[in-house]
Amino acid sequence: MSVLNIWGLMALFAIPLVIFIHMLQRKSKKRFSSTLFLLNLEKIEQKAGSRIERLKNSRLLWLNLFTVLLLAILLLQLRSIQSQKVLKIAVVIDATASMQVFWKDGLDELIKELEKLSKETPYVDLKIMSSSLDERAIYSGANLEEAKLALQNYVPTRSDHDVKPALLRASTIVNELGLVVLVTDHDQKVPQFVQKLLIGKPLENIGFTGFSAKQNGKWFATIKNHATKDRTVSWQILSDEGKLIAEQSVSLKAGELKTIKGVFPPQKDRFILQLPDDPFQKDNRIYAVKPQVAPINLRMSGLSKNTRKSLVQFLQNIPEVHLESEEPDFFIRPITSIGQIGDKPGLYFLRQNTKAISGQVLALDHALVEGINWQGLDYWLPQKDLKNKKFFPILNLGNKSLLSLRETKSGPQIICHFEFDRKEIATSSSMMVFLFRCIQQTRYNKLAYQALNIETNSEIRFPALSGQTVSTQGINFLGNDLFRTETASNFFSISILVAGKPKTLVSGGTFYADASEGDLLKASSANEIEFDTNKITVVWEEGETFKNFLILLTLLILIYSWWWFEKKEQLKKVGGLT
């Protein structure tokens, strides 16, 4: 027994107050009369004041005192301390997509094991979580029926990943005293404290493992035979309505990966590539669209003939880059002051009074320069550099800036602090990769129609849609400019409101391409769950001591005291008249 509120004892000070009230007696005025009907009732009821007399024993007194004691007990918040044997179980479900094949039967096996474990102790604390830490907990509680319902609603969809972080998290949940169970379809190395429930079995599977398409309509898809023997399989091209357009077959050796190719059907910018049904459905369909990117209008000026010629040859290989357009989206030109940059994205370089400087080049943490080798080049820098607080350096040579960036809503603005108009610089692989990234970033920020093919359950950003009111179909909007494709292959679209009407700005198709998940030959079944009495922990719990009963009893006493007081007052009035 424990007390949570010691100040509840203050309620006992009400006992002297109750006693004092009961010692106060009303003193009535006496009137003598020979006949009763001559009396004035109002005068009889007049009081002559109060006086303190000896305490009289009465039922009402004891009821009042008992009520004070009950209130004191309630305010003290008495708690009973008792021990409870608990078996803590943390179940980690392998979230990889291959689990879908075995999940229905595996779920029944898991529930049976949990029912066995629940019979070992009066109470089970059950936590069920996904092996993918970015997913919410599947269940937390002690009711197996509710746990079963939660598991029936769970669908494993993730690609291959490491389950160890989830297992370590599960061990902290049970405080390393309970059971940690991994439910998976294939055997894998896990820490010693983990018990495994393998629910798979070896199966053969043939599925797609990748897809790509070009703007000219050519497409390429890879198929892998996850089997121990040679197979010949037919594949079909369907319209987006599901009508058969063409059908062919392909022969695959055991474990072979082969590429098939073709062109988009005439007058079609989308189609469905399909394999026959098998246990693993996710890799049997590809929803394909003809790629289309936002066009970029580029204008170059102030370059030497040789540099310009080399850049034109490079830029012509980038899809949808149009040179010397009237309304440019991207500039490549020299400047002498910051004010000459304007609001358009571009590469703006300095050229006057330069001298060659070499040394160690340091690239800062930014996607535009990440992974590019900038060493081994001679950089010609001006004697008087341009600096502006709105531009921050992304590439340095010692304490000097080589490239500075200002990010705008239209795309990146780059100040090239060295002489760009040198063939060995402008045509270097480092600068060409960097220039390509800048153009692509400008393309992403341009509000224009585009179509693309992407894997299922992938996050993708569309900066041009930031701040727009969007509506989606077949893709999930996560906020701002971030979207996630669905877990099943499909077509998707993203629209915005233009003049009050929806306008499609992005369309696409998705496909599943995780070859490791399609390999079901490694699946196996085993039950390594063993109960250990040492896993049962004793938990000390505090319980409320008859709180509801005491509250009810207090209310009944107060009601009875009120009734008794009214009855006594009525008796006093009758006594005064007799």
Protein backbone atom coordinates (compact mmCIF):
# COMPACT_ATOMS: atom_id res chain seq x y z
CA MET A 1 0.00 0.00 0.00
CA SER A 2 1.32 3.43 -0.94
CA VAL A 3 0.13 7.02 -0.57
CA LEU A 4 0.39 9.40 -3.54
CA ASN A 5 -0.97 12.55 -1.86
CA ILE A 6 0.12 13.02 1.76
CA TRP A 7 -1.69 16.36 1.81
CA GLY A 8 -4.92 14.40 1.89
CA LEU A 9 -4.48 14.23 5.66
CA MET A 10 -5.45 17.90 5.74
CA ALA A 11 -9.03 16.73 5.26
CA LEU A 12 -8.98 15.37 8.83
CA PHE A 13 -9.02 18.95 10.10
CA ALA A 14 -12.68 18.95 9.11
CA ILE A 15 -13.47 16.63 12.07
CA PRO A 16 -13.23 19.38 14.77
CA LEU A 17 -15.35 21.61 12.53
CA VAL A 18 -18.08 18.97 12.30
CA ILE A 19 -18.03 18.49 16.09
CA PHE A 20 -18.22 22.25 16.69
CA ILE A 21 -21.22 22.55 14.37
CA HIS A 22 -23.01 19.77 16.20
CA MET A 23 -22.36 21.51 19.57
CA LEU A 24 -24.21 24.60 18.36
CA GLN A 25 -27.89 24.36 19.36
CA ARG A 26 -30.65 26.72 18.41
CA LYS A 27 -32.39 28.46 21.35
CA SER A 28 -36.11 29.13 20.80
CA LYS A 29 -38.20 31.85 22.49
CA LYS A 30 -40.91 30.60 24.88
CA ARG A 31 -44.52 31.77 24.52
CA PHE A 32 -47.34 30.88 26.98
CA SER A 33 -50.90 30.63 25.73
CA SER A 34 -54.08 29.01 27.03
CA THR A 35 -55.38 28.25 23.55
CA LEU A 36 -53.42 26.94 20.65
CA PHE A 37 -55.33 28.69 17.85
CA LEU A 38 -54.41 32.12 19.25
CA LEU A 39 -50.71 31.53 18.64
CA ASN A 40 -48.94 33.31 15.81
CA LEU A 41 -46.95 30.64 13.95
CA GLU A 42 -44.42 33.15 12.63
CA LYS A 43 -43.52 34.16 16.14
CA ILE A 44 -43.08 30.54 17.15
CA GLU A 45 -40.53 30.04 14.33
CA GLN A 46 -38.51 33.08 15.38
CA LYS A 47 -35.13 32.16 16.75
CA ALA A 48 -33.50 33.69 19.74
CA GLY A 49 -29.89 32.87 18.56
CA SER A 50 -27.47 29.98 19.14
CA ARG A 51 -25.67 28.55 22.11
CA ILE A 52 -22.89 26.02 22.62
CA GLU A 53 -24.04 22.98 24.51
CA ARG A 54 -22.67 19.59 25.36
CA LEU A 55 -22.16 17.33 22.34
CA LYS A 56 -25.03 14.97 21.86
CA ASN A 57 -24.71 11.53 20.36
CA SER A 58 -26.68 11.32 17.11
CA ARG A 59 -26.79 9.36 13.90
CA LEU A 60 -26.18 12.49 11.84
CA LEU A 61 -22.98 13.26 13.74
CA TRP A 62 -21.49 9.85 13.02
CA LEU A 63 -22.50 10.04 9.35
CA ASN A 64 -20.75 13.39 9.01
CA LEU A 65 -17.58 12.12 10.68
CA PHE A 66 -17.58 9.01 8.50
CA THR A 67 -17.94 11.17 5.38
CA VAL A 68 -14.89 13.24 6.40
CA LEU A 69 -12.84 10.07 6.84
CA LEU A 70 -13.88 8.78 3.43
CA LEU A 71 -12.94 12.08 1.79
CA ALA A 72 -9.55 11.96 3.51
CA ILE A 73 -8.96 8.43 2.17
CA LEU A 74 -9.90 9.54 -1.35
CA LEU A 75 -7.59 12.57 -1.19
CA LEU A 76 -4.72 10.40 0.08
CA GLN A 77 -4.98 8.39 -3.19
CA LEU A 78 -4.12 5.05 -1.65
CA ARG A 79 -2.55 2.56 -4.05
CA SER A 80 -2.07 -1.14 -3.66
CA ILE A 81 1.23 -2.57 -4.94
CA GLN A 82 1.10 -6.01 -6.48
CA SER A 83 3.35 -8.17 -8.64
CA GLN A 84 2.40 -9.37 -12.12
CA LYS A 85 4.19 -12.01 -14.20
CA VAL A 86 4.59 -10.74 -17.75
CA LEU A 87 6.03 -12.29 -20.89
CA LYS A 88 7.26 -9.51 -23.19
CA ILE A 89 7.30 -10.44 -26.86
CA ALA A 90 8.60 -8.26 -29.69
CA VAL A 91 7.82 -9.62 -33.17
CA VAL A 92 9.67 -8.17 -36.17
CA ILE A 93 7.97 -8.86 -39.52
CA ASP A 94 10.26 -8.98 -42.55
CA ALA A 95 8.87 -6.14 -44.70
CA THR A 96 10.39 -7.30 -48.00
CA ALA A 97 8.00 -7.84 -50.90
CA SER A 98 8.75 -11.57 -51.31
CA MET A 99 6.93 -12.13 -48.00
CA GLN A 100 3.63 -11.48 -49.81
CA VAL A 101 3.84 -14.94 -51.38
CA PHE A 102 3.88 -16.73 -48.00
CA TRP A 103 2.17 -14.19 -45.75
CA LYS A 104 -1.30 -15.76 -45.65
CA ASP A 105 -0.15 -19.18 -44.39
CA GLY A 106 2.68 -17.66 -42.37
CA LEU A 107 0.25 -15.44 -40.49
CA ASP A 108 -1.72 -18.46 -39.26
CA GLU A 109 1.49 -20.11 -38.07
CA LEU A 110 2.56 -16.95 -36.24
CA ILE A 111 -0.80 -16.63 -34.46
CA LYS A 112 -0.58 -20.26 -33.30
CA GLU A 113 2.87 -19.62 -31.81
CA LEU A 114 1.66 -16.49 -30.05
CA GLU A 115 -1.30 -18.40 -28.60
CA LYS A 116 1.07 -21.06 -27.23
CA LEU A 117 3.27 -18.42 -25.63
CA SER A 118 0.29 -16.58 -24.13
CA LYS A 119 -0.68 -19.74 -22.21
CA GLU A 120 2.64 -19.72 -20.35
CA THR A 121 1.85 -16.59 -18.34
CA PRO A 122 -1.27 -14.76 -17.16
CA TYR A 123 -0.28 -11.65 -19.09
CA VAL A 124 1.54 -11.04 -22.40
CA ASP A 125 2.92 -7.69 -23.51
CA LEU A 126 3.01 -7.95 -27.31
CA LYS A 127 4.77 -5.56 -29.72
CA ILE A 128 4.67 -6.21 -33.47
CA MET A 129 6.74 -4.05 -35.79
CA SER A 130 8.04 -3.95 -39.35
CA SER A 131 11.67 -4.57 -40.22
CA SER A 132 11.56 -1.27 -42.12
CA LEU A 133 12.03 1.37 -39.44
CA ASP A 134 10.24 4.08 -41.40
CA GLU A 135 6.95 2.16 -41.07
CA ARG A 136 4.61 2.52 -38.11
CA ALA A 137 4.28 -0.16 -35.43
CA ILE A 138 1.85 -2.86 -36.53
CA TYR A 139 0.41 -3.64 -33.07
CA SER A 140 1.00 -2.96 -29.39
CA GLY A 141 -1.10 -4.55 -26.64
CA ALA A 142 -2.15 -7.89 -25.16
CA ASN A 143 -5.17 -8.94 -27.24
CA LEU A 144 -4.35 -11.65 -29.78
CA GLU A 145 -7.56 -11.10 -31.77
CA GLU A 146 -6.69 -7.44 -32.26
CA ALA A 147 -3.11 -8.42 -33.15
CA LYS A 148 -4.40 -10.88 -35.75
CA LEU A 149 -6.60 -8.21 -37.33
CA ALA A 150 -3.66 -5.77 -37.48
CA LEU A 151 -1.46 -8.41 -39.11
CA GLN A 152 -4.13 -9.25 -41.69
CA ASN A 153 -4.16 -5.59 -42.73
CA TYR A 154 -0.36 -5.44 -43.08
CA VAL A 155 1.23 -5.96 -46.51
CA PRO A 156 5.04 -6.33 -46.90
CA THR A 157 6.12 -4.16 -49.84
CA ARG A 158 9.71 -3.03 -49.30
CA SER A 159 12.82 -3.93 -51.26
CA ASP A 160 15.67 -5.93 -49.77
CA HIS A 161 17.13 -4.28 -46.65
CA ASP A 162 19.02 -5.04 -43.44
CA VAL A 163 16.72 -6.23 -40.62
CA LYS A 164 19.31 -5.89 -37.84
CA PRO A 165 18.45 -2.27 -36.87
CA ALA A 166 14.82 -3.30 -36.33
CA LEU A 167 15.92 -6.33 -34.25
CA LEU A 168 18.10 -4.13 -32.03
CA ARG A 169 15.20 -1.75 -31.56
CA ALA A 170 12.96 -4.67 -30.62
CA SER A 171 15.45 -5.83 -27.99
CA THR A 172 15.37 -2.40 -26.34
CA ILE A 173 11.55 -2.50 -26.30
CA VAL A 174 11.54 -5.75 -24.27
CA ASN A 175 14.49 -4.51 -22.18
CA GLU A 176 16.51 -7.56 -23.27
CA LEU A 177 14.38 -9.72 -20.93
CA GLY A 178 11.61 -10.89 -23.27
CA LEU A 179 11.44 -12.74 -26.57
CA VAL A 180 12.50 -11.19 -29.87
CA VAL A 181 11.06 -13.09 -32.85
CA LEU A 182 11.88 -12.49 -36.52
CA VAL A 183 9.27 -13.65 -39.03
CA THR A 184 10.85 -14.02 -42.47
CA ASP A 185 10.73 -16.19 -45.58
CA HIS A 186 14.43 -16.97 -45.85
CA ASP A 187 17.21 -17.82 -43.44
CA GLN A 188 19.62 -15.04 -42.54
CA LYS A 189 22.19 -14.23 -39.91
CA VAL A 190 20.74 -12.51 -36.84
CA PRO A 191 21.98 -11.72 -33.32
CA GLN A 192 21.90 -14.59 -30.80
CA PHE A 193 18.98 -13.17 -28.82
CA VAL A 194 16.68 -13.46 -31.85
CA GLN A 195 14.43 -16.47 -32.45
CA LYS A 196 13.36 -17.06 -36.07
CA LEU A 197 10.10 -18.20 -37.60
CA LEU A 198 10.70 -19.00 -41.29
CA ILE A 199 7.46 -19.18 -43.26
CA GLY A 200 8.73 -19.60 -46.85
CA LYS A 201 9.38 -22.47 -49.20
CA PRO A 202 11.47 -22.65 -52.40
CA LEU A 203 9.53 -21.57 -55.51
CA GLU A 204 10.49 -20.89 -59.12
CA ASN A 205 9.78 -17.44 -60.53
CA ILE A 206 10.33 -15.52 -63.75
CA GLY A 207 10.00 -11.76 -63.54
CA PHE A 208 11.04 -8.37 -64.86
CA THR A 209 14.05 -6.76 -63.20
CA GLY A 210 14.27 -3.41 -65.01
CA PHE A 211 12.93 -1.13 -67.71
CA SER A 212 14.02 1.93 -69.66
CA ALA A 213 12.66 3.87 -72.64
CA LYS A 214 13.80 6.64 -74.92
CA GLN A 215 11.95 9.57 -76.38
CA ASN A 216 12.18 8.04 -79.85
CA GLY A 217 9.92 5.21 -78.65
CA LYS A 218 12.52 2.49 -78.19
CA TRP A 219 12.23 0.52 -74.96
CA PHE A 220 14.32 -2.13 -73.15
CA ALA A 221 13.25 -4.55 -70.41
CA THR A 222 15.21 -7.22 -68.54
CA ILE A 223 13.78 -10.61 -67.53
CA LYS A 224 15.38 -13.08 -65.14
CA ASN A 225 14.70 -16.77 -64.72
CA HIS A 226 14.82 -17.50 -60.97
CA ALA A 227 14.71 -21.27 -61.48
CA THR A 228 16.97 -24.31 -61.47
CA LYS A 229 16.06 -25.34 -65.04
CA ASP A 230 15.65 -23.74 -68.44
CA ARG A 231 12.31 -22.11 -69.18
CA THR A 232 10.50 -20.63 -72.15
CA VAL A 233 8.01 -17.93 -71.26
CA SER A 234 5.66 -15.79 -73.32
CA TRP A 235 5.39 -12.04 -72.81
CA GLN A 236 2.63 -9.75 -74.02
CA ILE A 237 2.18 -6.12 -74.94
CA LEU A 238 -1.19 -4.75 -73.84
CA SER A 239 -2.81 -1.39 -74.42
CA ASP A 240 -3.43 0.82 -71.42
CA GLU A 241 -7.03 -0.51 -71.51
CA GLY A 242 -5.71 -4.10 -71.21
CA LYS A 243 -6.29 -5.20 -74.83
CA LEU A 244 -3.73 -7.57 -76.37
CA ILE A 245 -1.50 -5.88 -78.99
CA ALA A 246 1.32 -8.40 -79.45
CA GLU A 247 2.72 -11.57 -77.92
CA GLN A 248 6.17 -13.18 -78.14
CA SER A 249 8.20 -15.77 -76.26
CA VAL A 250 11.69 -15.84 -74.85
CA SER A 251 13.88 -18.76 -73.77
CA LEU A 252 15.89 -18.42 -70.60
CA LYS A 253 18.49 -20.70 -69.09
CA ALA A 254 18.48 -21.39 -65.37
CA GLY A 255 19.41 -18.14 -63.57
CA GLU A 256 19.80 -16.25 -66.87
CA LEU A 257 19.12 -12.52 -67.19
CA LYS A 258 18.06 -11.45 -70.67
CA THR A 259 17.07 -8.15 -72.29
CA ILE A 260 14.06 -7.83 -74.55
CA LYS A 261 13.42 -4.71 -76.60
CA GLY A 262 10.92 -3.11 -78.90
CA VAL A 263 9.20 0.13 -79.84
CA PHE A 264 6.02 1.74 -78.60
CA PRO A 265 2.91 0.67 -80.54
CA PRO A 266 1.90 3.14 -83.28
CA GLN A 267 -0.12 6.10 -82.06
CA LYS A 268 0.49 4.99 -78.46
CA ASP A 269 2.49 6.78 -75.77
CA ARG A 270 1.85 4.10 -73.15
CA PHE A 271 1.47 0.33 -72.91
CA ILE A 272 1.62 -2.59 -70.46
CA LEU A 273 4.31 -5.26 -70.63
CA GLN A 274 3.09 -8.53 -69.05
CA LEU A 275 4.36 -11.98 -68.06
CA PRO A 276 2.18 -14.98 -67.11
CA ASP A 277 0.82 -15.08 -63.55
CA ASP A 278 2.88 -16.85 -60.89
CA PRO A 279 3.06 -16.74 -57.05
CA PHE A 280 5.10 -13.50 -57.07
CA GLN A 281 2.89 -11.04 -58.94
CA LYS A 282 4.81 -7.81 -58.33
CA ASP A 283 7.43 -8.38 -61.07
CA ASN A 284 5.01 -9.60 -63.75
CA ARG A 285 3.86 -6.24 -65.10
CA ILE A 286 5.53 -3.07 -66.34
CA TYR A 287 3.43 0.05 -66.93
CA ALA A 288 5.41 2.01 -69.51
CA VAL A 289 5.06 5.55 -70.87
CA LYS A 290 7.02 7.25 -73.61
CA PRO A 291 9.45 9.60 -71.81
CA GLN A 292 9.15 13.30 -72.28
CA VAL A 293 11.18 15.97 -70.50
CA ALA A 294 10.60 19.68 -70.13
CA PRO A 295 12.38 21.51 -72.97
CA ILE A 296 15.24 23.83 -72.05
CA ASN A 297 16.04 26.87 -74.19
CA LEU A 298 19.73 27.73 -73.86
CA ARG A 299 21.65 30.76 -75.07
CA MET A 300 25.45 31.12 -75.20
CA SER A 301 27.42 34.31 -75.77
CA GLY A 302 30.95 35.69 -75.34
CA LEU A 303 32.67 32.37 -76.12
CA SER A 304 35.52 31.68 -78.51
CA LYS A 305 34.78 29.75 -81.68
CA ASN A 306 36.51 26.55 -80.54
CA THR A 307 34.85 26.53 -77.10
CA ARG A 308 31.46 27.23 -78.59
CA LYS A 309 31.80 24.44 -81.15
CA SER A 310 32.77 21.90 -78.48
CA LEU A 311 29.88 22.93 -76.23
CA VAL A 312 27.35 22.74 -79.08
CA GLN A 313 28.41 19.15 -79.82
CA PHE A 314 27.97 18.28 -76.16
CA LEU A 315 24.66 20.05 -75.66
CA GLN A 316 23.10 18.48 -78.75
CA ASN A 317 23.36 15.10 -77.03
CA ILE A 318 21.15 16.27 -74.14
CA PRO A 319 17.45 15.65 -74.91
CA GLU A 320 15.21 18.66 -75.45
CA VAL A 321 17.94 21.32 -75.22
CA HIS A 322 17.28 24.01 -77.81
CA LEU A 323 20.05 26.49 -78.59
CA GLU A 324 19.73 30.20 -79.31
CA SER A 325 16.01 30.42 -78.49
CA GLU A 326 14.22 33.73 -78.21
CA GLU A 327 13.08 33.01 -74.63
CA PRO A 328 16.09 31.33 -72.96
CA ASP A 329 15.73 29.30 -69.76
CA PHE A 330 19.50 29.02 -69.20
CA PHE A 331 22.46 31.27 -70.04
CA ILE A 332 26.17 30.63 -70.55
CA ARG A 333 27.91 34.01 -70.79
CA PRO A 334 30.56 36.25 -69.21
CA ILE A 335 29.84 38.98 -66.66
CA THR A 336 31.77 41.80 -65.04
CA SER A 337 29.33 42.55 -62.18
CA ILE A 338 26.64 40.77 -60.17
CA GLY A 339 23.95 43.07 -61.57
CA GLN A 340 24.41 41.55 -65.03
CA ILE A 341 23.09 38.16 -63.90
CA GLY A 342 19.37 38.99 -63.73
CA ASP A 343 16.82 36.37 -62.63
CA LYS A 344 17.52 33.57 -65.14
CA PRO A 345 19.47 30.40 -64.28
CA GLY A 346 22.81 30.00 -65.95
CA LEU A 347 26.57 29.71 -65.81
CA TYR A 348 28.10 33.20 -65.55
CA PHE A 349 31.89 33.37 -65.73
CA LEU A 350 34.61 36.00 -65.17
CA ARG A 351 37.36 36.53 -67.73
CA GLN A 352 39.28 39.81 -67.33
CA ASN A 353 42.86 40.01 -66.00
CA THR A 354 43.12 36.33 -65.10
CA LYS A 355 46.11 34.29 -64.01
CA ALA A 356 46.62 30.55 -63.63
CA ILE A 357 46.36 29.06 -60.11
CA SER A 358 46.68 25.38 -59.22
CA GLY A 359 46.28 23.51 -55.95
CA GLN A 360 43.99 21.30 -53.90
CA VAL A 361 40.34 21.74 -54.84
CA LEU A 362 37.66 21.18 -52.17
CA ALA A 363 34.05 20.44 -53.19
CA LEU A 364 31.42 21.30 -50.61
CA ASP A 365 28.45 19.07 -49.79
CA HIS A 366 26.10 19.85 -52.66
CA ALA A 367 24.41 17.65 -55.28
CA LEU A 368 25.72 19.75 -58.20
CA VAL A 369 29.41 19.08 -57.42
CA GLU A 370 29.17 15.81 -55.50
CA GLY A 371 31.28 12.96 -56.91
CA ILE A 372 33.01 15.08 -59.59
CA ASN A 373 36.82 15.02 -59.78
CA TRP A 374 37.99 18.63 -59.98
CA GLN A 375 41.68 17.94 -59.47
CA GLY A 376 44.39 18.27 -62.12
CA LEU A 377 43.04 21.38 -63.87
CA ASP A 378 44.63 24.82 -64.08
CA TYR A 379 42.16 27.50 -63.04
CA TRP A 380 42.62 31.05 -64.31
CA LEU A 381 41.22 33.47 -61.72
CA PRO A 382 40.77 37.28 -61.99
CA GLN A 383 42.83 39.56 -59.80
CA LYS A 384 39.61 41.18 -58.54
CA ASP A 385 36.94 38.67 -57.64
CA LEU A 386 33.16 39.14 -57.40
CA LYS A 387 31.56 38.35 -54.06
CA ASN A 388 27.96 38.56 -52.96
CA LYS A 389 26.26 37.35 -49.76
CA LYS A 390 23.40 35.80 -51.76
CA PHE A 391 25.85 33.42 -53.46
CA PHE A 392 27.51 30.71 -51.40
CA PRO A 393 30.63 28.76 -52.48
CA ILE A 394 30.29 25.12 -53.55
CA LEU A 395 33.83 24.66 -54.91
CA ASN A 396 36.98 26.19 -53.40
CA LEU A 397 40.68 26.29 -54.18
CA GLY A 398 42.37 27.16 -50.91
CA ASN A 399 40.66 30.31 -49.64
CA LYS A 400 39.42 31.26 -53.12
CA SER A 401 36.02 30.40 -54.53
CA LEU A 402 35.87 28.60 -57.88
CA LEU A 403 32.10 28.13 -58.11
CA SER A 404 29.39 29.99 -56.19
CA LEU A 405 25.68 29.18 -56.23
CA ARG A 406 22.44 31.06 -55.78
CA GLU A 407 19.35 28.86 -55.90
CA THR A 408 16.26 30.43 -57.45
CA LYS A 409 12.77 29.18 -58.15
CA SER A 410 13.69 28.85 -61.84
CA GLY A 411 16.95 26.99 -61.25
CA PRO A 412 20.59 27.43 -60.17
CA GLN A 413 22.60 30.55 -60.89
CA ILE A 414 26.33 29.78 -60.95
CA ILE A 415 29.18 32.27 -60.79
CA CYS A 416 32.25 30.67 -62.35
CA HIS A 417 35.07 32.62 -60.73
CA PHE A 418 37.68 31.24 -63.15
CA GLU A 419 38.10 31.62 -66.91
CA PHE A 420 35.51 29.24 -68.40
CA ASP A 421 36.29 30.09 -72.05
CA ARG A 422 39.29 27.78 -72.29
CA LYS A 423 38.87 24.54 -74.24
CA GLU A 424 40.65 22.38 -71.67
CA ILE A 425 38.22 23.73 -69.02
CA ALA A 426 34.93 23.97 -70.90
CA THR A 427 35.30 20.53 -72.50
CA SER A 428 36.69 18.74 -69.45
CA SER A 429 34.62 15.81 -68.16
CA SER A 430 34.24 17.56 -64.79
CA MET A 431 32.73 20.70 -66.30
CA MET A 432 30.48 18.80 -68.70
CA VAL A 433 28.99 16.71 -65.89
CA PHE A 434 28.51 19.83 -63.82
CA LEU A 435 26.91 21.70 -66.70
CA PHE A 436 24.57 18.77 -67.39
CA ARG A 437 23.46 18.76 -63.75
CA CYS A 438 22.74 22.48 -63.82
CA ILE A 439 20.63 22.10 -66.97
CA GLN A 440 18.75 19.14 -65.49
CA GLN A 441 18.05 21.08 -62.27
CA THR A 442 16.68 23.95 -64.38
CA ARG A 443 14.53 21.43 -66.23
CA TYR A 444 13.11 20.08 -62.93
CA ASN A 445 12.20 23.61 -61.88
CA LYS A 446 10.44 24.44 -65.13
CA LEU A 447 6.65 24.24 -65.05
CA ALA A 448 6.16 22.12 -68.18
CA TYR A 449 4.74 18.71 -69.04
CA GLN A 450 6.94 15.67 -68.52
CA ALA A 451 6.52 11.89 -68.60
CA LEU A 452 8.78 9.32 -66.97
CA ASN A 453 9.16 5.69 -65.89
CA ILE A 454 10.13 4.98 -62.29
CA GLU A 455 10.25 2.09 -59.83
CA THR A 456 7.40 1.35 -57.46
CA ASN A 457 7.49 2.71 -53.89
CA SER A 458 10.03 5.40 -54.82
CA GLU A 459 10.18 9.00 -53.66
CA ILE A 460 10.54 11.68 -56.32
CA ARG A 461 10.61 15.48 -56.23
CA PHE A 462 9.10 17.90 -58.72
CA PRO A 463 10.40 21.34 -57.65
CA ALA A 464 8.23 23.06 -60.28
CA LEU A 465 5.13 21.89 -58.39
CA SER A 466 6.18 23.47 -55.09
CA GLY A 467 3.43 25.79 -53.86
CA GLN A 468 0.96 24.57 -56.49
CA THR A 469 -2.47 23.10 -55.76
CA VAL A 470 -2.04 19.55 -57.05
CA SER A 471 -4.30 16.56 -57.59
CA THR A 472 -2.89 13.07 -58.07
CA GLN A 473 -3.90 9.72 -59.47
CA GLY A 474 -1.87 6.58 -58.82
CA ILE A 475 0.80 8.40 -56.80
CA ASN A 476 0.91 9.71 -53.23
CA PHE A 477 1.48 13.40 -52.48
CA LEU A 478 3.69 13.74 -49.39
CA GLY A 479 3.77 17.54 -49.27
CA ASN A 480 5.44 20.53 -50.92
CA ASP A 481 7.16 18.98 -53.99
CA LEU A 482 7.64 15.42 -52.71
CA PHE A 483 5.73 12.40 -54.05
CA ARG A 484 5.92 8.61 -53.58
CA THR A 485 4.85 6.05 -56.15
CA GLU A 486 2.52 3.27 -55.02
CA THR A 487 3.72 -0.22 -54.06
CA ALA A 488 1.96 -1.88 -57.02
CA SER A 489 2.86 -1.15 -60.65
CA ASN A 490 0.47 1.29 -62.35
CA PHE A 491 0.10 4.47 -64.39
CA PHE A 492 0.07 7.77 -62.50
CA SER A 493 -0.53 11.45 -63.16
CA ILE A 494 -0.15 14.78 -61.36
CA SER A 495 -2.30 17.78 -62.29
CA ILE A 496 -2.47 21.43 -61.27
CA LEU A 497 -5.24 24.00 -61.57
CA VAL A 498 -4.90 26.41 -64.50
CA ALA A 499 -7.72 28.95 -64.88
CA GLY A 500 -9.84 26.78 -62.62
CA LYS A 501 -9.36 23.64 -64.72
CA PRO A 502 -7.02 20.68 -64.04
CA LYS A 503 -3.98 20.42 -66.31
CA THR A 504 -1.76 17.34 -66.31
CA LEU A 505 1.89 18.28 -65.81
CA VAL A 506 3.37 14.86 -64.95
CA SER A 507 2.43 11.40 -66.15
CA GLY A 508 4.30 8.17 -65.72
CA GLY A 509 4.42 4.43 -65.33
CA THR A 510 5.92 2.28 -62.59
CA PHE A 511 7.55 -1.13 -62.44
CA TYR A 512 9.07 -3.44 -59.82
CA ALA A 513 12.79 -4.07 -60.30
CA ASP A 514 14.23 -5.76 -57.20
CA ALA A 515 15.81 -8.94 -58.56
CA SER A 516 16.79 -10.22 -55.11
CA GLU A 517 13.16 -10.26 -53.96
CA GLY A 518 12.09 -12.14 -57.07
CA ASP A 519 14.46 -14.99 -56.24
CA LEU A 520 12.21 -17.31 -54.21
CA LEU A 521 14.56 -20.29 -54.42
CA LYS A 522 16.26 -19.12 -51.22
CA ALA A 523 12.97 -19.22 -49.26
CA SER A 524 12.75 -21.80 -46.47
CA SER A 525 10.60 -22.83 -43.51
CA ALA A 526 11.61 -23.47 -39.90
CA ASN A 527 10.37 -22.78 -36.38
CA GLU A 528 13.10 -21.88 -33.93
CA ILE A 529 10.85 -20.38 -31.26
CA GLU A 530 11.52 -21.92 -27.85
CA PHE A 531 9.93 -20.81 -24.59
CA ASP A 532 12.24 -20.07 -21.67
CA THR A 533 10.83 -19.44 -18.20
CA ASN A 534 13.71 -17.05 -17.58
CA LYS A 535 12.10 -14.74 -20.13
CA ILE A 536 9.15 -14.14 -17.79
CA THR A 537 9.59 -10.91 -15.88
CA VAL A 538 7.90 -9.72 -12.70
CA VAL A 539 6.36 -6.29 -12.97
CA TRP A 540 5.26 -4.37 -9.89
CA GLU A 541 2.06 -2.47 -10.49
CA GLU A 542 0.12 0.05 -8.46
CA GLY A 543 -3.63 -0.31 -8.37
CA GLU A 544 -6.32 2.00 -6.98
CA THR A 545 -7.81 0.71 -3.74
CA PHE A 546 -11.63 0.61 -3.92
CA LYS A 547 -11.70 4.12 -5.36
CA ASN A 548 -15.03 3.77 -7.16
CA PHE A 549 -16.60 2.04 -4.15
CA LEU A 550 -15.45 4.77 -1.76
CA ILE A 551 -16.80 7.51 -4.04
CA LEU A 552 -20.18 5.78 -4.26
CA LEU A 553 -20.30 5.21 -0.51
CA THR A 554 -19.47 8.88 0.16
CA LEU A 555 -22.28 10.02 -2.13
CA LEU A 556 -24.77 7.68 -0.47
CA ILE A 557 -23.81 8.95 2.98
CA LEU A 558 -24.16 12.57 1.89
CA ILE A 559 -27.60 11.88 0.42
CA TYR A 560 -28.67 10.00 3.54
CA SER A 561 -27.33 12.78 5.80
CA TRP A 562 -29.30 15.36 3.84
CA TRP A 563 -32.47 13.25 4.13
CA TRP A 564 -31.91 12.72 7.86
CA PHE A 565 -31.30 16.43 8.44
CA GLU A 566 -34.53 17.38 6.65
CA LYS A 567 -36.44 14.78 8.63
CA LYS A 568 -35.00 16.06 11.91
CA GLU A 569 -35.97 19.64 11.05
CA GLN A 570 -39.52 18.53 10.41
CA LEU A 571 -39.58 16.76 13.78
CA LYS A 572 -38.36 19.93 15.50
CA LYS A 573 -41.19 21.94 13.96
CA VAL A 574 -43.74 19.40 15.10
CA GLY A 575 -42.18 19.34 18.55
CA GLY A 576 -42.45 23.17 18.81
CA LEU A 577 -46.20 23.05 18.13
CA THR A 578 -47.02 20.45 20.74
